[in-house]
Protein backbone atom coordinates (compact mmCIF):
# COMPACT_ATOMS: atom_id res chain seq x y z
CA MET A 1 17.35 -22.13 -40.65
CA THR A 2 18.42 -19.73 -37.91
CA ILE A 3 17.44 -16.11 -38.47
CA ALA A 4 20.06 -13.70 -37.21
CA THR A 5 18.91 -10.96 -34.87
CA THR A 6 19.98 -7.36 -35.21
CA PRO A 7 20.36 -4.89 -32.32
CA GLU A 8 16.96 -3.47 -33.29
CA THR A 9 15.23 -6.86 -32.93
CA ASP A 10 17.35 -8.62 -30.32
CA PRO A 11 15.04 -9.12 -27.28
CA ARG A 12 17.99 -8.66 -24.92
CA VAL A 13 18.77 -5.26 -26.43
CA ILE A 14 15.12 -4.21 -26.34
CA LYS A 15 14.88 -5.24 -22.71
CA ALA A 16 18.01 -3.25 -21.79
CA GLU A 17 16.75 -0.18 -23.64
CA ILE A 18 13.37 -0.36 -21.91
CA ARG A 19 15.06 -0.69 -18.53
CA ASP A 20 17.24 2.36 -19.24
CA GLU A 21 14.22 4.40 -20.33
CA ALA A 22 12.26 3.40 -17.22
CA LEU A 23 15.11 4.48 -14.96
CA THR A 24 15.42 7.73 -16.91
CA LEU A 25 11.72 8.41 -16.31
CA GLY A 26 12.29 8.07 -12.58
CA PHE A 27 11.36 4.51 -11.73
CA ASP A 28 13.53 3.08 -8.96
CA ALA A 29 13.09 -0.62 -9.71
CA VAL A 30 12.49 -2.43 -13.01
CA GLY A 31 11.89 -6.14 -13.54
CA PHE A 32 10.59 -8.38 -16.33
CA THR A 33 8.54 -11.56 -16.11
CA ASP A 34 6.40 -13.72 -18.36
CA ALA A 35 2.62 -13.49 -18.55
CA GLU A 36 1.84 -17.06 -17.58
CA THR A 37 -0.83 -17.92 -15.04
CA LYS A 38 0.65 -19.26 -11.80
CA PRO A 39 -1.74 -21.64 -10.00
CA GLN A 40 0.02 -21.09 -6.65
CA ASP A 41 -0.89 -17.39 -6.73
CA ILE A 42 -4.54 -18.14 -7.36
CA GLU A 43 -4.57 -20.79 -4.64
CA ALA A 44 -3.05 -18.36 -2.12
CA LEU A 45 -5.78 -15.83 -2.83
CA LYS A 46 -8.47 -18.51 -2.53
CA HIS A 47 -7.10 -19.54 0.87
CA PHE A 48 -7.14 -15.89 2.00
CA VAL A 49 -10.76 -15.44 0.95
CA ASP A 50 -11.94 -18.83 2.22
CA LYS A 51 -10.59 -17.91 5.65
CA GLY A 52 -12.57 -14.66 5.56
CA TYR A 53 -9.37 -12.67 5.96
CA HIS A 54 -10.51 -10.17 3.31
CA GLY A 55 -13.28 -8.75 5.52
CA ASP A 56 -15.20 -5.94 3.80
CA MET A 57 -13.03 -6.10 0.70
CA ASP A 58 -15.67 -7.89 -1.37
CA TRP A 59 -13.83 -7.13 -4.59
CA MET A 60 -11.19 -9.69 -3.57
CA ALA A 61 -13.83 -12.41 -3.34
CA ARG A 62 -15.43 -11.65 -6.70
CA ASP A 63 -14.09 -14.11 -9.25
CA ASP A 64 -14.68 -12.90 -12.78
CA GLY A 65 -11.87 -15.05 -14.13
CA ARG A 66 -9.33 -12.25 -14.50
CA ARG A 67 -7.37 -12.10 -11.26
CA GLY A 68 -4.19 -14.11 -11.64
CA HIS A 69 -4.78 -14.55 -15.40
CA PRO A 70 -2.90 -11.76 -17.23
CA ARG A 71 -4.23 -12.74 -20.64
CA GLN A 72 -7.76 -12.10 -19.42
CA LEU A 73 -6.70 -8.47 -19.01
CA MET A 74 -4.83 -8.28 -22.33
CA ASP A 75 -5.05 -11.26 -24.64
CA SER A 76 -1.87 -10.39 -26.55
CA VAL A 77 0.37 -9.96 -23.50
CA ARG A 78 3.67 -11.85 -23.58
CA THR A 79 5.81 -9.88 -21.13
CA ILE A 80 4.99 -7.96 -17.97
CA ILE A 81 7.27 -5.18 -16.78
CA VAL A 82 6.98 -4.55 -13.05
CA LEU A 83 8.10 -1.12 -11.93
CA GLY A 84 8.68 0.32 -8.50
CA VAL A 85 8.70 3.90 -7.25
CA ASN A 86 10.42 4.51 -3.93
CA TYR A 87 8.36 6.40 -1.34
CA GLY A 88 10.80 6.01 1.54
CA PRO A 89 10.22 8.42 4.45
CA GLY A 90 12.67 11.08 5.53
CA GLN A 91 12.36 10.06 9.19
CA ASP A 92 11.54 6.99 11.23
CA PRO A 93 7.76 6.45 10.95
CA MET A 94 7.77 4.82 14.40
CA THR A 95 8.57 8.17 16.05
CA VAL A 96 4.99 9.44 15.86
CA VAL A 97 3.63 6.11 17.12
CA ASN A 98 5.13 6.99 20.49
CA MET A 99 3.45 10.42 20.60
CA PRO A 100 -0.06 9.75 21.96
CA ASP A 101 -1.34 13.31 21.38
CA ARG A 102 -0.52 13.03 17.66
CA GLY A 103 -2.05 10.98 14.86
CA ALA A 104 0.02 8.41 12.99
CA VAL A 105 -0.58 8.57 9.22
CA SER A 106 0.89 5.85 7.02
CA VAL A 107 3.94 7.01 5.09
CA TYR A 108 2.35 6.32 1.72
CA ALA A 109 -0.51 8.74 2.44
CA ARG A 110 1.50 11.71 3.69
CA GLY A 111 2.10 13.13 0.21
CA LYS A 112 0.05 13.30 -2.97
CA ASP A 113 -1.99 10.37 -4.22
CA TYR A 114 0.55 7.95 -5.64
CA HIS A 115 -1.91 6.56 -8.19
CA ASP A 116 -1.75 9.81 -10.14
CA ILE A 117 2.04 10.06 -10.01
CA VAL A 118 2.81 6.43 -10.90
CA LYS A 119 0.08 6.16 -13.57
CA LYS A 120 1.37 9.25 -15.38
CA ARG A 121 4.89 7.83 -15.42
CA LEU A 122 3.66 4.41 -16.60
CA LYS A 123 1.79 6.00 -19.49
CA LYS A 124 4.93 7.85 -20.58
CA LEU A 125 6.91 4.62 -20.59
CA GLY A 126 4.10 2.73 -22.33
CA ARG A 127 3.82 5.32 -25.12
CA TRP A 128 7.58 5.25 -25.64
CA ILE A 129 7.57 1.44 -25.90
CA ALA A 130 4.62 1.44 -28.31
CA GLU A 131 6.22 4.09 -30.54
CA THR A 132 9.70 2.55 -30.43
CA TYR A 133 8.91 -1.16 -30.78
CA GLY A 134 5.33 -1.27 -32.05
CA SER A 135 4.12 -3.26 -29.07
CA ASP A 136 0.58 -3.26 -27.81
CA ILE A 137 0.58 -2.04 -24.20
CA LYS A 138 -1.63 -1.72 -21.15
CA VAL A 139 -0.63 -0.08 -17.88
CA PHE A 140 -1.91 -0.82 -14.38
CA VAL A 141 -1.38 0.65 -10.93
CA ASP A 142 -3.46 -0.87 -8.12
CA THR A 143 -6.76 -0.37 -9.96
CA ALA A 144 -7.27 -3.69 -11.76
CA PRO A 145 -7.25 -7.38 -10.79
CA VAL A 146 -3.47 -7.66 -11.17
CA MET A 147 -1.63 -9.72 -8.55
CA GLU A 148 1.14 -7.19 -8.17
CA LYS A 149 3.26 -8.62 -5.37
CA PRO A 150 3.61 -12.13 -6.88
CA LEU A 151 4.49 -10.53 -10.22
CA ALA A 152 7.08 -8.31 -8.55
CA GLU A 153 8.63 -11.34 -6.87
CA ARG A 154 8.81 -13.22 -10.17
CA ALA A 155 10.32 -10.16 -11.84
CA GLY A 156 13.13 -9.98 -9.26
CA ILE A 157 11.99 -6.71 -7.64
CA GLY A 158 11.79 -8.29 -4.18
CA TRP A 159 10.09 -11.04 -2.21
CA GLN A 160 6.93 -11.27 -0.15
CA GLY A 161 8.08 -11.17 3.45
CA LYS A 162 6.50 -12.78 6.47
CA HIS A 163 4.29 -9.67 6.76
CA THR A 164 3.03 -10.47 3.20
CA ASN A 165 4.35 -7.16 1.83
CA LEU A 166 7.04 -6.89 -0.80
CA VAL A 167 10.59 -6.43 0.49
CA SER A 168 13.45 -5.19 -1.67
CA ARG A 169 17.07 -5.60 -0.71
CA GLN A 170 17.71 -2.11 -2.12
CA LYS A 171 14.54 -0.22 -1.14
CA GLY A 172 13.18 -2.07 1.87
CA SER A 173 9.37 -2.11 1.87
CA TRP A 174 8.82 1.40 0.56
CA LEU A 175 7.88 0.72 -3.07
CA PHE A 176 4.77 1.60 -5.04
CA LEU A 177 4.23 -0.90 -7.83
CA GLY A 178 2.91 -0.55 -11.36
CA GLU A 179 2.90 -2.77 -14.43
CA VAL A 180 3.20 -2.44 -18.19
CA PHE A 181 1.83 -5.36 -20.22
CA LEU A 182 3.61 -5.88 -23.57
CA SER A 183 2.74 -7.94 -26.63
CA ILE A 184 6.41 -8.61 -27.37
CA GLU A 185 8.29 -11.46 -25.71
CA LEU A 186 11.36 -10.45 -23.72
CA PRO A 187 13.68 -12.53 -21.50
CA PRO A 188 12.39 -12.71 -17.92
CA ASP A 189 14.49 -11.74 -14.92
CA ALA A 190 15.31 -14.27 -12.22
CA PRO A 191 12.85 -14.30 -9.29
CA GLU A 192 14.06 -12.82 -6.01
CA PRO A 193 14.48 -15.51 -3.32
CA ASP A 194 13.17 -15.08 0.22
CA HIS A 195 15.71 -13.41 2.52
CA CYS A 196 13.64 -13.29 5.72
CA GLY A 197 15.47 -16.19 7.31
CA SER A 198 14.56 -16.71 10.97
CA CYS A 199 13.66 -13.05 11.55
CA ASP A 200 10.13 -12.41 12.82
CA LYS A 201 10.36 -8.74 13.86
CA CYS A 202 7.46 -7.77 11.61
CA LEU A 203 5.18 -10.37 13.16
CA ARG A 204 6.04 -9.32 16.71
CA ALA A 205 5.59 -5.63 15.89
CA CYS A 206 1.94 -5.94 14.89
CA PRO A 207 -0.17 -4.26 17.62
CA THR A 208 -3.31 -6.26 16.80
CA ASP A 209 -1.80 -9.71 16.15
CA ALA A 210 -2.96 -9.72 12.54
CA PHE A 211 -0.63 -12.55 11.46
CA PRO A 212 -2.03 -16.02 12.26
CA GLU A 213 1.28 -17.41 11.02
CA PRO A 214 4.23 -16.21 8.93
CA TYR A 215 3.26 -15.21 5.39
CA GLN A 216 -0.45 -15.12 6.36
CA LEU A 217 -2.36 -11.89 7.05
CA ASP A 218 -5.81 -11.69 8.63
CA ALA A 219 -6.79 -8.30 7.22
CA THR A 220 -9.77 -8.06 9.56
CA ARG A 221 -7.29 -7.49 12.40
CA CYS A 222 -4.87 -5.29 10.44
CA ILE A 223 -4.84 -1.60 11.41
CA SER A 224 -4.42 -0.55 7.78
CA TYR A 225 -7.57 -2.43 6.87
CA LEU A 226 -9.48 -1.24 9.93
CA THR A 227 -8.67 2.45 9.41
CA ILE A 228 -9.00 2.53 5.62
CA GLU A 229 -11.21 -0.26 4.27
CA HIS A 230 -13.54 -1.14 7.16
CA LYS A 231 -16.73 0.87 6.94
CA GLY A 232 -18.38 0.12 10.29
CA ASP A 233 -17.69 0.23 13.99
CA ILE A 234 -14.56 -1.54 15.26
CA ALA A 235 -14.50 -4.08 18.08
CA ASP A 236 -13.39 -2.71 21.46
CA GLU A 237 -10.63 -5.30 21.73
CA LEU A 238 -9.07 -4.03 18.51
CA MET A 239 -9.61 -0.34 19.24
CA ASP A 240 -7.69 -0.73 22.48
CA LYS A 241 -4.68 -1.97 20.49
CA MET A 242 -4.75 0.59 17.67
CA GLY A 243 -2.85 3.27 19.57
CA ASN A 244 -2.78 6.55 17.67
CA HIS A 245 -2.99 5.14 14.13
CA VAL A 246 -5.52 7.31 12.32
CA TYR A 247 -4.83 6.20 8.75
CA GLY A 248 -2.97 3.03 7.91
CA CYS A 249 -0.07 1.46 9.77
CA ASP A 250 3.62 0.97 8.94
CA ASP A 251 4.76 -0.85 12.07
CA CYS A 252 5.55 -4.18 10.39
CA LEU A 253 7.33 -2.40 7.51
CA ALA A 254 9.30 0.00 9.66
CA VAL A 255 10.89 -2.66 11.89
CA CYS A 256 12.08 -4.83 9.00
CA PRO A 257 15.91 -4.97 9.03
CA TRP A 258 15.97 -4.49 5.26
CA THR A 259 14.64 -0.94 5.65
CA LYS A 260 18.15 0.14 6.66
CA PHE A 261 19.03 -0.02 2.97
CA SER A 262 16.19 2.28 1.95
CA ALA A 263 16.55 5.99 1.17
CA PRO A 264 14.08 8.88 1.25
CA THR A 265 12.03 9.29 -1.90
CA SER A 266 13.38 11.56 -4.62
CA GLU A 267 9.87 12.27 -5.94
CA PRO A 268 8.71 15.66 -4.59
CA GLY A 269 5.04 14.70 -4.86
CA LEU A 270 5.56 11.73 -2.55
CA GLU A 271 7.38 13.68 0.14
CA ALA A 272 5.43 14.06 3.37
CA ARG A 273 3.40 17.19 3.89
CA VAL A 274 4.54 18.75 7.15
CA GLU A 275 1.01 18.83 8.55
CA LEU A 276 0.65 15.05 8.08
CA THR A 277 3.96 13.98 9.60
CA GLN A 278 2.93 14.41 13.23
CA PRO A 279 -0.57 15.98 13.15
CA LYS A 280 -2.20 16.88 16.45
CA LEU A 281 -5.27 14.84 17.31
CA ARG A 282 -6.85 18.04 18.59
CA ASP A 283 -6.63 19.60 15.12
CA LEU A 284 -7.79 16.49 13.26
CA ALA A 285 -10.81 16.10 15.52
CA ARG A 286 -12.11 19.54 14.53
CA LEU A 287 -12.49 18.71 10.83
CA ASP A 288 -16.00 19.04 9.46
CA ASP A 289 -16.79 17.73 5.99
CA PRO A 290 -15.77 20.86 4.02
CA SER A 291 -12.50 21.30 5.93
CA PHE A 292 -11.75 17.57 5.62
CA ARG A 293 -12.14 17.81 1.85
CA GLU A 294 -9.96 20.91 1.73
CA VAL A 295 -7.16 19.52 3.90
CA PHE A 296 -7.01 16.21 2.05
CA ALA A 297 -7.54 17.39 -1.52
CA GLY A 298 -5.22 15.34 -3.74
CA SER A 299 -4.55 12.86 -0.92
CA PRO A 300 -5.56 9.18 -0.80
CA ILE A 301 -7.02 9.92 2.65
CA LYS A 302 -9.87 11.84 1.02
CA ARG A 303 -11.37 8.60 -0.31
CA THR A 304 -12.15 7.33 3.20
CA GLY A 305 -14.46 10.26 3.86
CA ARG A 306 -14.67 12.51 6.90
CA ASP A 307 -16.78 10.15 9.03
CA ARG A 308 -14.51 7.13 8.76
CA PHE A 309 -11.45 9.28 9.34
CA LEU A 310 -12.96 10.97 12.41
CA ARG A 311 -13.88 7.52 13.75
CA ASN A 312 -10.17 6.70 13.61
CA VAL A 313 -9.23 9.99 15.25
CA MET A 314 -11.66 9.38 18.10
CA ILE A 315 -10.21 5.92 18.65
CA ALA A 316 -6.76 7.52 18.96
CA VAL A 317 -8.15 10.17 21.32
CA GLY A 318 -9.60 7.43 23.52
CA ASN A 319 -6.23 5.67 23.59
CA SER A 320 -4.26 8.85 24.30
CA ASP A 321 -4.91 9.14 28.06
CA ASP A 322 -4.93 12.90 27.40
CA LYS A 323 -7.84 14.23 29.45
CA SER A 324 -7.55 17.66 27.84
CA LEU A 325 -9.07 16.04 24.74
CA LYS A 326 -12.17 14.94 26.60
CA PRO A 327 -14.26 18.06 25.75
CA ILE A 328 -13.62 17.46 22.05
CA ALA A 329 -14.73 13.86 22.41
CA GLU A 330 -17.84 14.97 24.29
CA ASP A 331 -18.74 17.33 21.43
CA LEU A 332 -18.27 14.62 18.82
CA ALA A 333 -20.32 12.17 20.88
CA ARG A 334 -23.26 14.18 19.53
CA ASP A 335 -22.05 14.06 15.92
CA THR A 336 -24.65 13.35 13.26
CA SER A 337 -22.58 10.38 12.07
CA PRO A 338 -23.22 7.30 14.26
CA LEU A 339 -19.76 6.06 13.29
CA VAL A 340 -18.08 9.16 14.74
CA ALA A 341 -20.42 9.43 17.72
CA ASN A 342 -19.91 5.81 18.79
CA ALA A 343 -16.11 6.14 18.73
CA ALA A 344 -16.35 9.49 20.54
CA ARG A 345 -18.48 8.02 23.31
CA ARG A 346 -15.88 5.32 23.80
CA ALA A 347 -13.21 8.03 23.97
CA VAL A 348 -15.19 9.86 26.69
CA ARG A 349 -15.42 6.66 28.72
CA LYS A 350 -11.71 5.92 28.28
CA LEU A 351 -10.79 9.44 29.38
CA GLY A 352 -12.79 9.19 32.58
CA GLY A 353 -16.32 10.11 31.53
CA THR A 354 -19.60 8.26 31.50
């Protein structure tokens, strides 16, 4: 016997209502997918780790049986909602890359910490779903072993481009992702096909040649990894290619032709702080630990710590060819942090010292 559905129980209606609520709460992209394990995702991660491309990111190599297995994170999950928040910049992020006396900060880190903003919004949506439909829920934003980009691709948000980042036809590459796990089964959206075609602009834009081949990233050569995740000294060959990137890198994202369809973020908290759009290396180099903590309060940059950040700044100073910065480098060559001092000594040598 077929049981008739009512608007209150029809999965298609529930899905449409959830989508409307998510958009009302300020999400810019909403997609639905099932909670099945996909062996190809797990195999791709294994290949990445086996190659050693994860570098210092030991958490990626730890296999506790959860990554790639949604039901290990929530045993009742039947549907995963993938949500995107646009953080598109108000100006071309490549402009500062061509200003050697300034520091290039990745677009995502120029405003407030996105984890706080997206997580708060996810919790609001999750509570509404739980109260309206009685579903169990869990929310995630970049803090659990959730394979976000493959899920987003399956949910129709975008596709993983040749630079391995997610690309949306509507938002380009400027999307923060979050997920809501539901215990109710809803119809999945169609996956987004790959639209990269023969384009390889992202691969050619990488200053450090971090892509061994299309769709493969060697994070140990990626400027984002080197400036954010890597805790030690950086090889001279890579420092020479890092330019003025002091925190992260957007080069491969910024040159993607699909970014022409993106728009500046409408979330005030994600808008760039003026002092982080084109900061002077001279000013950044003068940060001691208390001033670093003050300047970057509420920013994802704070998590790297003053020493790692100043290492990056000194690398940029050494690459600047600005000899007026040499006295600052000479001062920091005596810094109590070996990480800062080593990078500063290289900067002195690059600027014509000994």
